[in-house]
N, C-alpha and C. Protein backbone atom coordinates (compact mmCIF):
# COMPACT_ATOMS: atom_id res chain seq x y z
N MET A 1 147.53 135.51 149.95
CA MET A 1 147.29 134.18 151.01
C MET A 1 147.40 134.95 152.51
N LEU A 2 146.57 134.72 153.62
CA LEU A 2 146.61 135.01 154.59
C LEU A 2 147.31 133.99 155.81
N PRO A 3 148.20 135.21 156.72
CA PRO A 3 149.09 134.33 157.63
C PRO A 3 148.04 133.36 158.73
N LEU A 4 148.74 132.10 158.71
CA LEU A 4 147.68 131.35 159.67
C LEU A 4 148.31 130.86 161.03
N LYS A 5 148.04 131.01 161.99
CA LYS A 5 148.71 130.13 163.45
C LYS A 5 147.76 128.63 163.26
N PRO A 6 148.40 127.89 163.99
CA PRO A 6 148.01 126.50 164.20
C PRO A 6 146.82 126.78 165.10
N GLN A 7 145.88 126.02 164.92
CA GLN A 7 144.49 125.50 165.71
C GLN A 7 144.98 124.53 166.84
N THR A 8 144.57 125.08 168.31
CA THR A 8 144.67 124.10 169.57
C THR A 8 143.76 123.98 169.99
N ALA A 9 143.48 122.80 170.90
CA ALA A 9 142.06 122.70 171.45
C ALA A 9 142.55 121.85 172.62
N THR A 10 141.62 122.20 174.24
CA THR A 10 142.06 121.25 174.77
C THR A 10 140.17 120.95 175.15
N THR A 11 140.11 119.35 175.21
CA THR A 11 138.73 118.56 175.19
C THR A 11 138.52 117.68 176.41
N LEU A 12 137.57 117.90 176.70
CA LEU A 12 137.80 117.00 177.90
C LEU A 12 136.21 116.22 177.31
N GLU A 13 135.90 114.65 177.80
CA GLU A 13 134.98 114.24 177.41
C GLU A 13 134.75 112.44 178.14
N ILE A 14 133.62 112.74 178.65
CA ILE A 14 133.06 111.27 179.39
C ILE A 14 131.54 110.52 178.19
N GLY A 15 131.72 109.38 178.66
CA GLY A 15 130.60 108.77 177.90
C GLY A 15 130.66 107.01 178.46
N THR A 16 129.72 106.40 177.96
CA THR A 16 129.50 105.12 178.61
C THR A 16 129.27 104.29 177.76
N ARG A 17 129.23 102.80 177.38
CA ARG A 17 129.07 101.57 176.67
C ARG A 17 129.22 100.49 177.25
N GLY A 18 127.97 99.98 176.52
CA GLY A 18 127.35 98.80 177.20
C GLY A 18 126.01 97.96 176.50
N GLN A 19 125.67 96.99 177.63
CA GLN A 19 124.40 96.33 176.93
C GLN A 19 124.16 95.84 177.91
N ARG A 20 122.39 95.89 177.76
CA ARG A 20 121.53 95.32 178.80
C ARG A 20 120.58 94.54 178.43
N GLY A 21 120.36 93.18 177.87
CA GLY A 21 119.19 92.84 177.72
C GLY A 21 119.51 92.73 176.15
N ARG A 22 118.54 92.89 175.40
CA ARG A 22 118.54 93.30 174.10
C ARG A 22 118.73 94.40 173.67
N VAL A 23 119.04 95.33 174.30
CA VAL A 23 119.75 97.10 174.22
C VAL A 23 121.53 96.77 174.16
N ASN A 24 121.76 97.74 173.31
CA ASN A 24 123.11 98.01 173.53
C ASN A 24 123.42 99.81 173.11
N TRP A 25 124.10 100.55 173.83
CA TRP A 25 124.13 101.43 173.52
C TRP A 25 125.63 102.24 173.69
N ASP A 26 125.87 103.11 173.15
CA ASP A 26 127.46 104.13 173.06
C ASP A 26 127.33 105.51 173.01
N PHE A 27 127.50 106.39 174.35
CA PHE A 27 127.28 107.66 174.69
C PHE A 27 128.45 107.96 174.48
N SER A 28 128.72 109.32 174.09
CA SER A 28 129.69 110.53 174.64
C SER A 28 129.33 111.86 174.60
N TYR A 29 129.55 112.54 175.55
CA TYR A 29 129.81 113.80 175.83
C TYR A 29 130.83 114.70 175.74
N TYR A 30 131.61 116.09 174.87
CA TYR A 30 132.33 116.14 174.59
C TYR A 30 132.26 117.68 175.17
N TYR A 31 133.52 118.21 175.46
CA TYR A 31 133.35 120.18 175.86
C TYR A 31 134.80 120.15 175.44
N ALA A 32 135.30 121.15 174.33
CA ALA A 32 136.04 121.52 174.08
C ALA A 32 136.80 122.79 173.64
N TRP A 33 137.72 123.64 174.53
CA TRP A 33 137.94 125.12 174.47
C TRP A 33 139.08 124.99 173.14
N VAL A 34 138.55 126.11 171.97
CA VAL A 34 139.66 125.75 170.54
C VAL A 34 140.04 127.10 170.39
N GLU A 35 141.41 127.18 170.09
CA GLU A 35 142.14 128.46 170.10
C GLU A 35 142.34 128.60 168.83
N ARG A 36 142.17 129.25 167.81
CA ARG A 36 142.66 130.44 166.86
C ARG A 36 142.05 129.23 165.91
N GLU A 37 140.73 128.89 165.56
CA GLU A 37 140.00 127.70 165.27
C GLU A 37 140.32 128.69 163.62
N LEU A 38 140.68 127.16 162.54
CA LEU A 38 140.42 127.43 161.82
C LEU A 38 139.43 127.01 160.63
N LEU A 39 138.60 127.99 159.90
CA LEU A 39 137.16 128.66 159.90
C LEU A 39 137.66 128.48 157.70
N ALA A 40 136.92 127.93 157.30
CA ALA A 40 136.48 128.04 155.88
C ALA A 40 135.92 129.08 155.41
N LEU A 41 136.07 130.27 154.84
CA LEU A 41 135.16 131.25 154.71
C LEU A 41 135.39 131.86 152.84
N GLY A 42 134.41 131.75 151.89
CA GLY A 42 134.58 131.77 150.86
C GLY A 42 133.20 132.64 150.03
N SER A 43 133.83 132.81 148.93
CA SER A 43 132.55 133.49 148.04
C SER A 43 132.31 132.56 147.24
N PRO A 44 131.06 131.97 146.78
CA PRO A 44 130.90 130.58 145.69
C PRO A 44 131.14 130.97 144.24
N ILE A 45 130.85 132.58 144.07
CA ILE A 45 130.93 133.35 142.82
C ILE A 45 132.00 133.53 142.60
N LEU A 46 132.90 134.59 143.18
CA LEU A 46 133.76 135.28 142.22
C LEU A 46 135.40 134.36 142.85
N THR A 47 135.58 134.39 144.62
CA THR A 47 136.22 133.45 144.60
C THR A 47 136.61 132.30 145.29
N PRO A 48 137.74 131.57 145.70
CA PRO A 48 137.93 130.34 146.49
C PRO A 48 138.01 130.30 147.58
N THR A 49 137.82 129.53 147.98
CA THR A 49 137.69 129.31 149.63
C THR A 49 138.59 129.79 150.26
N THR A 50 139.03 130.40 151.30
CA THR A 50 139.86 131.13 151.93
C THR A 50 139.63 130.54 153.28
N THR A 51 140.91 130.39 154.18
CA THR A 51 140.54 129.83 155.63
C THR A 51 141.52 130.75 156.15
N VAL A 52 140.96 130.83 157.51
CA VAL A 52 141.01 132.09 158.69
C VAL A 52 141.21 131.60 159.67
N ASN A 53 141.76 132.20 160.42
CA ASN A 53 141.61 131.98 161.97
C ASN A 53 140.78 132.36 162.79
N ALA A 54 140.03 131.74 162.98
CA ALA A 54 138.41 132.59 164.29
C ALA A 54 138.59 133.19 165.82
N GLY A 55 139.52 132.45 166.18
CA GLY A 55 139.76 133.23 167.72
C GLY A 55 139.47 132.20 168.10
N ARG A 56 138.82 132.18 169.41
CA ARG A 56 138.47 131.46 170.53
C ARG A 56 137.23 130.73 170.35
N THR A 57 136.93 129.58 170.33
CA THR A 57 135.26 129.07 170.11
C THR A 57 135.47 127.96 170.89
N ILE A 58 133.79 127.42 171.22
CA ILE A 58 133.90 126.29 172.14
C ILE A 58 132.92 125.17 171.29
N HIS A 59 133.47 124.15 171.39
CA HIS A 59 132.91 123.24 170.55
C HIS A 59 132.20 121.91 172.11
N GLN A 60 131.22 121.64 171.53
CA GLN A 60 130.45 120.81 172.79
C GLN A 60 129.51 119.69 172.04
N GLY A 61 129.47 119.02 172.44
CA GLY A 61 128.26 118.02 171.68
C GLY A 61 128.04 116.27 172.53
N VAL A 62 127.47 116.05 171.99
CA VAL A 62 126.70 114.34 172.28
C VAL A 62 126.62 113.63 171.05
N GLU A 63 127.41 112.17 171.23
CA GLU A 63 127.18 111.42 170.21
C GLU A 63 126.10 110.11 170.63
N PHE A 64 125.63 109.48 170.73
CA PHE A 64 124.51 108.89 170.94
C PHE A 64 124.17 107.17 170.29
N ALA A 65 124.67 106.10 170.06
CA ALA A 65 124.38 105.46 169.41
C ALA A 65 123.44 104.22 170.66
N LEU A 66 122.07 103.57 169.77
CA LEU A 66 121.13 103.08 170.60
C LEU A 66 120.53 102.12 169.72
N ASN A 67 120.98 100.68 169.53
CA ASN A 67 120.59 99.60 169.07
C ASN A 67 119.26 98.87 170.21
N ALA A 68 118.53 97.94 169.28
CA ALA A 68 117.89 97.48 170.43
C ALA A 68 117.33 96.48 169.37
N ASP A 69 117.00 95.23 170.11
CA ASP A 69 116.15 93.49 169.09
C ASP A 69 114.46 93.89 169.89
N LEU A 70 114.14 94.77 168.97
CA LEU A 70 112.31 94.93 169.98
C LEU A 70 111.48 94.20 169.54
N LEU A 71 111.66 93.06 168.24
CA LEU A 71 110.95 91.66 168.78
C LEU A 71 111.15 90.52 167.99
N ARG A 72 111.28 89.49 168.97
CA ARG A 72 111.87 88.10 168.20
C ARG A 72 110.73 87.09 168.18
N ASP A 73 111.30 85.96 167.05
CA ASP A 73 110.56 85.14 167.19
C ASP A 73 109.09 85.73 165.95
N LEU A 74 109.26 86.60 165.42
CA LEU A 74 107.78 86.60 164.66
C LEU A 74 106.76 86.08 164.02
N ALA A 75 107.87 85.55 163.13
CA ALA A 75 107.42 84.97 161.94
C ALA A 75 107.90 82.76 162.12
N VAL A 76 109.24 83.00 162.37
CA VAL A 76 109.82 81.53 162.49
C VAL A 76 110.72 82.40 163.59
N SER A 77 111.30 80.76 163.81
CA SER A 77 111.67 80.83 165.45
C SER A 77 112.98 81.92 165.10
N SER A 78 113.62 83.16 165.67
CA SER A 78 115.05 83.38 165.46
C SER A 78 114.71 84.28 164.62
N ASP A 79 113.99 84.80 163.93
CA ASP A 79 113.49 86.25 163.58
C ASP A 79 114.07 86.96 164.36
N ARG A 80 114.10 88.10 163.79
CA ARG A 80 113.79 90.04 164.59
C ARG A 80 113.60 90.75 163.90
N LEU A 81 113.24 91.82 164.86
CA LEU A 81 113.17 93.23 164.65
C LEU A 81 113.63 93.97 164.77
N VAL A 82 115.03 94.73 164.54
CA VAL A 82 115.52 95.72 164.94
C VAL A 82 115.87 96.90 164.99
N LEU A 83 116.07 97.80 165.37
CA LEU A 83 115.98 99.31 165.24
C LEU A 83 117.20 99.95 165.70
N ASN A 84 117.80 100.40 164.97
CA ASN A 84 119.43 101.02 165.03
C ASN A 84 119.15 102.50 164.76
N GLN A 85 119.70 103.14 165.74
CA GLN A 85 119.73 104.46 165.93
C GLN A 85 120.71 105.14 165.96
N ASN A 86 121.32 106.62 165.50
CA ASN A 86 122.41 107.26 165.79
C ASN A 86 121.93 108.81 165.94
N PHE A 87 122.42 109.73 167.19
CA PHE A 87 121.89 110.94 167.83
C PHE A 87 123.08 111.30 167.46
N LEU A 88 123.33 113.03 166.87
CA LEU A 88 124.09 113.52 167.13
C LEU A 88 123.37 114.87 167.64
N TRP A 89 123.91 115.60 168.56
CA TRP A 89 123.82 117.25 169.26
C TRP A 89 125.08 118.31 169.01
N ASN A 90 125.05 119.11 168.18
CA ASN A 90 126.55 119.56 168.34
C ASN A 90 126.33 121.57 168.68
N HIS A 91 126.82 121.98 169.45
CA HIS A 91 126.88 123.29 170.05
C HIS A 91 127.78 124.19 169.75
N PHE A 92 128.38 124.37 168.74
CA PHE A 92 129.73 125.09 168.18
C PHE A 92 129.66 126.54 168.52
N SER A 93 130.18 127.13 169.14
CA SER A 93 129.77 128.55 169.08
C SER A 93 131.50 129.51 169.51
N PHE A 94 130.87 130.82 169.10
CA PHE A 94 132.24 131.79 169.20
C PHE A 94 132.24 131.87 170.86
N ASN A 95 133.64 132.45 171.67
CA ASN A 95 133.87 132.33 173.08
C ASN A 95 134.30 134.16 173.59
N LYS A 96 133.05 134.62 173.18
CA LYS A 96 133.22 136.00 173.48
C LYS A 96 134.08 136.73 172.59
N ASP A 97 133.62 136.45 171.28
CA ASP A 97 134.85 137.10 170.30
C ASP A 97 134.61 138.58 170.30
N ALA A 98 135.03 139.49 169.80
CA ALA A 98 135.31 141.04 169.61
C ALA A 98 133.88 141.39 168.74
N ALA A 99 133.66 140.33 167.32
CA ALA A 99 132.76 140.73 166.52
C ALA A 99 131.14 140.09 166.80
N TYR A 100 131.65 138.41 167.18
CA TYR A 100 130.55 138.07 167.02
C TYR A 100 129.89 137.43 168.47
N GLY A 101 130.39 137.71 169.63
CA GLY A 101 130.49 137.27 170.88
C GLY A 101 130.14 135.82 171.03
N SER A 102 129.36 135.60 171.57
CA SER A 102 129.31 134.26 171.65
C SER A 102 128.02 133.37 170.82
N ARG A 103 127.89 133.88 169.86
CA ARG A 103 126.81 133.00 168.32
C ARG A 103 127.35 132.03 168.45
N LEU A 104 126.64 131.36 167.58
CA LEU A 104 126.94 129.80 166.95
C LEU A 104 127.47 130.17 165.96
N LEU A 105 128.11 129.02 165.85
CA LEU A 105 129.16 129.15 164.45
C LEU A 105 128.42 128.53 163.28
N PRO A 106 128.27 129.16 162.36
CA PRO A 106 127.88 128.71 160.78
C PRO A 106 127.86 127.40 160.23
N GLY A 107 127.33 126.78 159.90
CA GLY A 107 127.65 125.26 158.84
C GLY A 107 127.25 124.12 159.24
N TYR A 108 126.81 124.19 160.92
CA TYR A 108 126.84 123.31 161.83
C TYR A 108 125.63 122.76 162.27
N SER A 109 124.69 121.59 161.69
CA SER A 109 123.53 121.37 161.84
C SER A 109 123.35 121.07 163.37
N PRO A 110 122.21 121.93 164.51
CA PRO A 110 122.74 121.48 165.79
C PRO A 110 122.38 120.27 166.30
N VAL A 111 121.13 118.90 165.25
CA VAL A 111 120.40 118.18 165.68
C VAL A 111 120.79 117.00 164.46
N TYR A 112 121.12 115.95 164.58
CA TYR A 112 121.09 114.92 163.36
C TYR A 112 120.43 113.80 163.74
N TYR A 113 119.74 113.20 163.05
CA TYR A 113 119.19 111.99 163.55
C TYR A 113 119.00 110.89 162.22
N ARG A 114 119.58 109.89 162.50
CA ARG A 114 119.70 108.32 161.73
C ARG A 114 118.94 106.89 162.22
N ALA A 115 117.95 106.40 161.35
CA ALA A 115 117.78 105.37 162.32
C ALA A 115 116.98 104.07 161.26
N GLN A 116 117.15 103.16 161.39
CA GLN A 116 116.61 101.90 160.79
C GLN A 116 115.94 100.91 161.06
N LEU A 117 114.91 100.27 160.69
CA LEU A 117 114.33 99.27 161.40
C LEU A 117 113.82 98.28 160.28
N LEU A 118 114.99 97.49 160.97
CA LEU A 118 115.04 95.92 159.95
C LEU A 118 114.40 95.18 160.64
N TYR A 119 113.90 93.97 159.41
CA TYR A 119 113.30 92.57 159.93
C TYR A 119 114.40 92.02 159.46
N GLU A 120 114.95 90.95 160.34
CA GLU A 120 116.05 90.09 159.98
C GLU A 120 115.49 88.72 159.93
N HIS A 121 115.82 88.06 158.69
CA HIS A 121 115.19 86.73 158.95
C HIS A 121 116.36 85.70 159.19
N PRO A 122 116.51 84.23 159.90
CA PRO A 122 117.38 83.70 160.18
C PRO A 122 118.23 83.28 158.50
N CYS A 123 117.65 83.09 157.48
CA CYS A 123 117.86 82.84 156.33
C CYS A 123 118.89 83.51 155.52
N GLY A 124 118.95 84.96 156.16
CA GLY A 124 119.62 85.92 156.05
C GLY A 124 119.65 87.46 155.17
N PHE A 125 117.94 87.22 155.04
CA PHE A 125 117.05 87.98 154.26
C PHE A 125 117.26 89.14 155.36
N TYR A 126 117.09 90.42 155.06
CA TYR A 126 116.66 91.86 155.53
C TYR A 126 116.45 92.90 154.94
N ALA A 127 115.36 93.61 155.66
CA ALA A 127 114.30 94.86 154.30
C ALA A 127 114.01 95.60 156.07
N GLY A 128 113.71 96.69 155.41
CA GLY A 128 113.01 97.81 156.59
C GLY A 128 113.12 98.91 155.82
N PRO A 129 112.85 100.33 156.83
CA PRO A 129 113.07 101.60 156.34
C PRO A 129 113.66 102.30 157.09
N THR A 130 114.51 103.40 156.34
CA THR A 130 115.10 103.89 157.09
C THR A 130 115.17 105.39 156.95
N LEU A 131 115.81 106.29 158.01
CA LEU A 131 114.82 107.95 158.04
C LEU A 131 116.31 108.41 158.29
N GLU A 132 116.39 109.45 157.98
CA GLU A 132 117.64 110.48 158.17
C GLU A 132 116.96 112.04 158.47
N TRP A 133 117.38 112.37 159.47
CA TRP A 133 116.66 113.73 160.08
C TRP A 133 117.41 114.79 160.63
N SER A 134 117.08 115.97 160.18
CA SER A 134 118.06 116.88 160.67
C SER A 134 116.81 118.05 160.71
N PRO A 135 116.28 118.44 162.16
CA PRO A 135 115.01 118.80 162.09
C PRO A 135 115.33 120.21 162.43
N PHE A 136 116.42 120.97 162.84
CA PHE A 136 116.37 122.13 162.84
C PHE A 136 117.26 122.90 161.79
N LYS A 137 117.10 124.35 161.75
CA LYS A 137 117.67 125.51 160.74
C LYS A 137 118.64 125.46 161.46
N TYR A 138 119.75 126.27 160.57
CA TYR A 138 121.14 127.11 161.25
C TYR A 138 121.52 127.65 160.03
N ALA A 139 122.36 128.75 160.84
CA ALA A 139 122.85 129.78 159.94
C ALA A 139 124.02 129.27 158.75
N ALA A 140 124.09 129.37 157.86
CA ALA A 140 124.80 129.70 156.24
C ALA A 140 125.95 130.65 156.47
N ASP A 141 126.22 131.65 157.02
CA ASP A 141 126.88 132.68 157.33
C ASP A 141 127.20 133.21 158.18
N LEU A 142 128.45 134.10 158.62
CA LEU A 142 128.49 134.54 159.97
C LEU A 142 127.02 135.61 160.62
N ALA A 143 127.06 136.10 159.41
CA ALA A 143 125.85 137.27 159.34
C ALA A 143 124.71 137.12 160.22
N ARG A 144 124.36 135.42 159.86
CA ARG A 144 123.25 134.55 160.46
C ARG A 144 122.14 135.72 160.07
N THR A 145 122.27 135.90 157.97
CA THR A 145 121.32 136.40 157.20
C THR A 145 120.69 134.96 156.53
N THR A 146 121.01 134.29 155.91
CA THR A 146 120.37 132.99 156.06
C THR A 146 120.78 131.53 156.69
N PHE A 147 119.66 130.94 156.19
CA PHE A 147 119.67 129.71 157.11
C PHE A 147 119.25 128.39 156.19
N ALA A 148 120.01 127.17 156.63
CA ALA A 148 119.64 125.99 155.57
C ALA A 148 118.05 125.36 156.68
N ASP A 149 117.49 124.88 155.93
CA ASP A 149 116.25 124.73 156.64
C ASP A 149 116.35 122.97 156.97
N PRO A 150 115.41 122.76 157.90
CA PRO A 150 115.11 120.94 158.22
C PRO A 150 115.05 120.48 156.92
N TYR A 151 115.09 119.27 157.23
CA TYR A 151 114.60 118.08 156.70
C TYR A 151 114.83 116.66 156.61
N ALA A 152 114.03 115.95 156.20
CA ALA A 152 113.54 114.17 156.63
C ALA A 152 113.79 113.64 155.38
N LEU A 153 114.44 112.64 155.28
CA LEU A 153 114.62 111.78 154.19
C LEU A 153 114.47 110.04 154.35
N LEU A 154 113.14 109.71 154.05
CA LEU A 154 112.74 108.46 154.01
C LEU A 154 113.74 107.46 152.94
N GLY A 155 113.85 106.30 153.38
CA GLY A 155 114.71 105.46 152.45
C GLY A 155 114.37 103.84 152.88
N LEU A 156 114.74 102.78 151.61
CA LEU A 156 114.60 101.42 152.22
C LEU A 156 115.84 100.89 151.94
N LYS A 157 115.78 99.79 152.72
CA LYS A 157 116.82 98.92 152.76
C LYS A 157 116.62 97.42 152.55
N LEU A 158 117.35 96.97 151.42
CA LEU A 158 117.02 95.22 151.58
C LEU A 158 118.20 94.67 151.26
N GLY A 159 118.38 93.20 152.22
CA GLY A 159 119.24 92.62 151.26
C GLY A 159 119.42 90.89 151.85
N TYR A 160 120.51 90.59 151.80
CA TYR A 160 120.59 89.12 151.57
C TYR A 160 121.91 88.77 152.22
N ARG A 161 122.28 88.15 153.37
CA ARG A 161 123.94 87.79 153.45
C ARG A 161 123.66 86.48 153.79
N THR A 162 124.47 85.65 153.29
CA THR A 162 124.92 84.27 152.85
C THR A 162 125.94 84.13 154.55
N LYS A 163 126.39 83.05 155.05
CA LYS A 163 127.07 82.42 155.95
C LYS A 163 128.38 82.30 155.60
N LYS A 164 128.74 82.26 154.34
CA LYS A 164 129.88 82.33 153.72
C LYS A 164 130.54 83.62 153.52
N GLY A 165 129.98 84.81 153.60
CA GLY A 165 130.64 85.66 153.99
C GLY A 165 130.01 86.84 152.25
N LEU A 166 129.73 86.13 151.64
CA LEU A 166 128.93 86.42 150.31
C LEU A 166 127.27 87.97 150.99
N SER A 167 127.27 88.76 150.42
CA SER A 167 125.71 89.34 150.73
C SER A 167 125.81 90.58 149.12
N VAL A 168 124.42 90.45 149.12
CA VAL A 168 123.85 91.63 148.21
C VAL A 168 122.97 92.60 148.99
N TYR A 169 123.18 93.71 148.53
CA TYR A 169 121.81 94.84 149.13
C TYR A 169 121.39 95.77 148.12
N PHE A 170 120.18 96.29 148.21
CA PHE A 170 119.89 97.15 147.78
C PHE A 170 119.22 98.32 148.21
N GLU A 171 119.22 99.32 148.29
CA GLU A 171 118.73 100.75 149.08
C GLU A 171 118.47 102.03 148.08
N ALA A 172 117.17 102.10 148.38
CA ALA A 172 116.33 103.45 148.21
C ALA A 172 116.81 104.44 149.02
N ARG A 173 117.13 105.62 148.68
CA ARG A 173 117.34 106.98 148.95
C ARG A 173 116.59 107.87 148.74
N ASN A 174 116.13 108.86 149.99
CA ASN A 174 115.11 109.65 149.47
C ASN A 174 113.52 109.58 148.26
N LEU A 175 113.22 108.46 149.04
CA LEU A 175 111.82 108.23 148.59
C LEU A 175 111.01 109.32 147.40
N THR A 176 110.83 110.46 148.77
CA THR A 176 110.24 111.16 148.41
C THR A 176 110.71 112.42 147.65
N ASP A 177 111.62 112.26 147.47
CA ASP A 177 112.41 113.52 146.33
C ASP A 177 112.40 114.46 146.99
N GLU A 178 112.84 114.53 148.13
CA GLU A 178 112.61 116.17 148.75
C GLU A 178 114.49 117.04 148.62
N THR A 179 114.13 118.22 148.00
CA THR A 179 114.59 119.11 147.85
C THR A 179 115.53 119.68 149.15
N TYR A 180 116.83 119.46 149.19
CA TYR A 180 117.38 119.96 150.54
C TYR A 180 118.80 119.93 150.31
N SER A 181 119.56 120.69 152.14
CA SER A 181 120.67 120.94 151.44
C SER A 181 121.46 120.37 152.64
N PRO A 182 121.90 118.95 152.76
CA PRO A 182 122.58 118.70 153.86
C PRO A 182 124.45 119.52 154.30
N THR A 183 124.75 120.48 153.07
CA THR A 183 125.72 121.02 153.74
C THR A 183 125.37 122.23 153.24
N VAL A 184 126.48 123.46 153.77
CA VAL A 184 126.81 124.71 153.21
C VAL A 184 128.24 125.15 152.85
N ASN A 185 128.35 125.97 152.07
CA ASN A 185 129.84 126.77 152.02
C ASN A 185 129.90 128.02 152.70
N VAL A 186 130.34 128.33 153.89
CA VAL A 186 129.92 129.29 154.66
C VAL A 186 130.94 130.35 154.12
N VAL A 187 130.06 131.73 154.24
CA VAL A 187 130.40 132.82 154.04
C VAL A 187 130.45 133.96 154.98
N THR A 188 130.89 135.18 154.94
CA THR A 188 130.75 135.76 155.63
C THR A 188 129.32 136.74 155.90
N ASN A 189 128.55 137.31 154.62
CA ASN A 189 127.13 137.37 154.50
C ASN A 189 126.83 136.73 153.41
N ALA A 190 125.81 136.10 153.32
CA ALA A 190 125.27 135.46 152.41
C ALA A 190 124.26 136.60 151.38
N THR A 191 124.29 137.76 151.82
CA THR A 191 123.70 138.60 151.17
C THR A 191 124.00 139.18 149.80
N THR A 192 125.36 139.23 150.10
CA THR A 192 126.46 139.33 148.75
C THR A 192 126.51 138.09 148.11
N SER A 193 126.46 137.11 148.82
CA SER A 193 127.17 135.67 148.17
C SER A 193 126.05 134.91 148.32
N PRO A 194 125.05 134.41 147.69
CA PRO A 194 123.53 133.74 148.21
C PRO A 194 123.98 132.51 147.53
N ALA A 195 124.71 132.05 146.75
CA ALA A 195 124.93 130.72 146.01
C ALA A 195 125.60 129.79 147.55
N VAL A 196 124.94 129.65 148.42
CA VAL A 196 126.01 128.89 149.59
C VAL A 196 125.32 127.63 150.51
N PHE A 197 124.50 127.29 149.00
CA PHE A 197 123.89 125.83 149.83
C PHE A 197 124.16 124.61 148.54
N LEU A 198 124.64 123.77 149.16
CA LEU A 198 124.72 122.83 148.57
C LEU A 198 123.88 121.34 148.45
N PRO A 199 123.17 121.12 147.14
CA PRO A 199 122.33 120.38 146.98
C PRO A 199 122.68 118.81 147.35
N GLY A 200 121.62 118.53 148.05
CA GLY A 200 121.52 117.03 148.43
C GLY A 200 121.10 116.04 146.94
N ASP A 201 121.22 114.60 147.29
CA ASP A 201 120.64 113.82 145.79
C ASP A 201 119.47 114.22 146.13
N GLY A 202 118.76 113.78 144.95
CA GLY A 202 117.07 113.40 144.99
C GLY A 202 116.82 111.91 145.40
N ARG A 203 115.97 111.40 144.91
CA ARG A 203 115.41 109.93 144.68
C ARG A 203 116.88 109.50 143.87
N SER A 204 116.98 108.20 144.44
CA SER A 204 118.49 107.99 143.82
C SER A 204 118.29 106.15 144.80
N PHE A 205 118.57 105.43 143.87
CA PHE A 205 118.96 103.70 143.87
C PHE A 205 120.10 103.54 143.95
N TYR A 206 120.37 102.45 144.75
CA TYR A 206 121.59 101.73 144.67
C TYR A 206 121.98 100.09 145.22
N GLY A 207 122.78 99.32 144.94
CA GLY A 207 122.76 98.59 145.09
C GLY A 207 124.25 97.83 144.80
N GLY A 208 124.69 96.74 145.37
CA GLY A 208 126.07 96.04 145.04
C GLY A 208 125.95 94.26 145.81
N VAL A 209 127.22 93.96 145.83
CA VAL A 209 127.84 92.62 146.22
C VAL A 209 129.10 93.01 147.20
N GLU A 210 128.79 92.25 148.15
CA GLU A 210 130.25 92.39 149.21
C GLU A 210 130.41 91.21 149.35
N TRP A 211 131.71 90.82 149.33
CA TRP A 211 132.06 89.37 150.06
C TRP A 211 132.99 89.85 150.71
N LYS A 212 132.83 89.10 152.44
CA LYS A 212 133.84 89.15 153.01
C LYS A 212 134.54 87.67 153.27
N TRP A 213 135.69 87.84 154.26
CA TRP A 213 136.72 86.57 154.11
C TRP A 213 137.35 86.45 155.30
């Protein structure tokens, strides 16, 4: 067991939330000075994950949700086409570290985007495509020898909501059956511990019933 010191941070955050016409948004930007960050490292082959203090780091990022009614009254009165989007930008780095300088922390995708475009009928039926996108590669180890690849996943969502709170839904994910790794097991150097990628789900289907009261 390694002796650990508590992680502390000072964070500044600014944001805005509102609605204008058919568009609503929720935006925030944060900047955090982190001292003695707890960083999980491990060898997936020989030893379990070990937690260490990483020294001083900086975490900054953007969280942005944007939703819009693109079209209304398409086929019948009160139906609509709705676009829901979520965007994340992460920039986590060492802060003048003796060994790693100001390089980015491994294990974090710099950009992540999710969206769905749904047709909603006033009877309660809805359907449309979904997208999950990580457009940039990112390091899987401190030495930056191995990187997780970008990926894009297409899906389909449909369902029916009753006015009494009962709803049924069906969702298909990763329709093109992409091979991808949404997360990694961070290690010091992946050349000696190459099994760092945690695989994502292949083509999959989900369904269920929900009741709200």
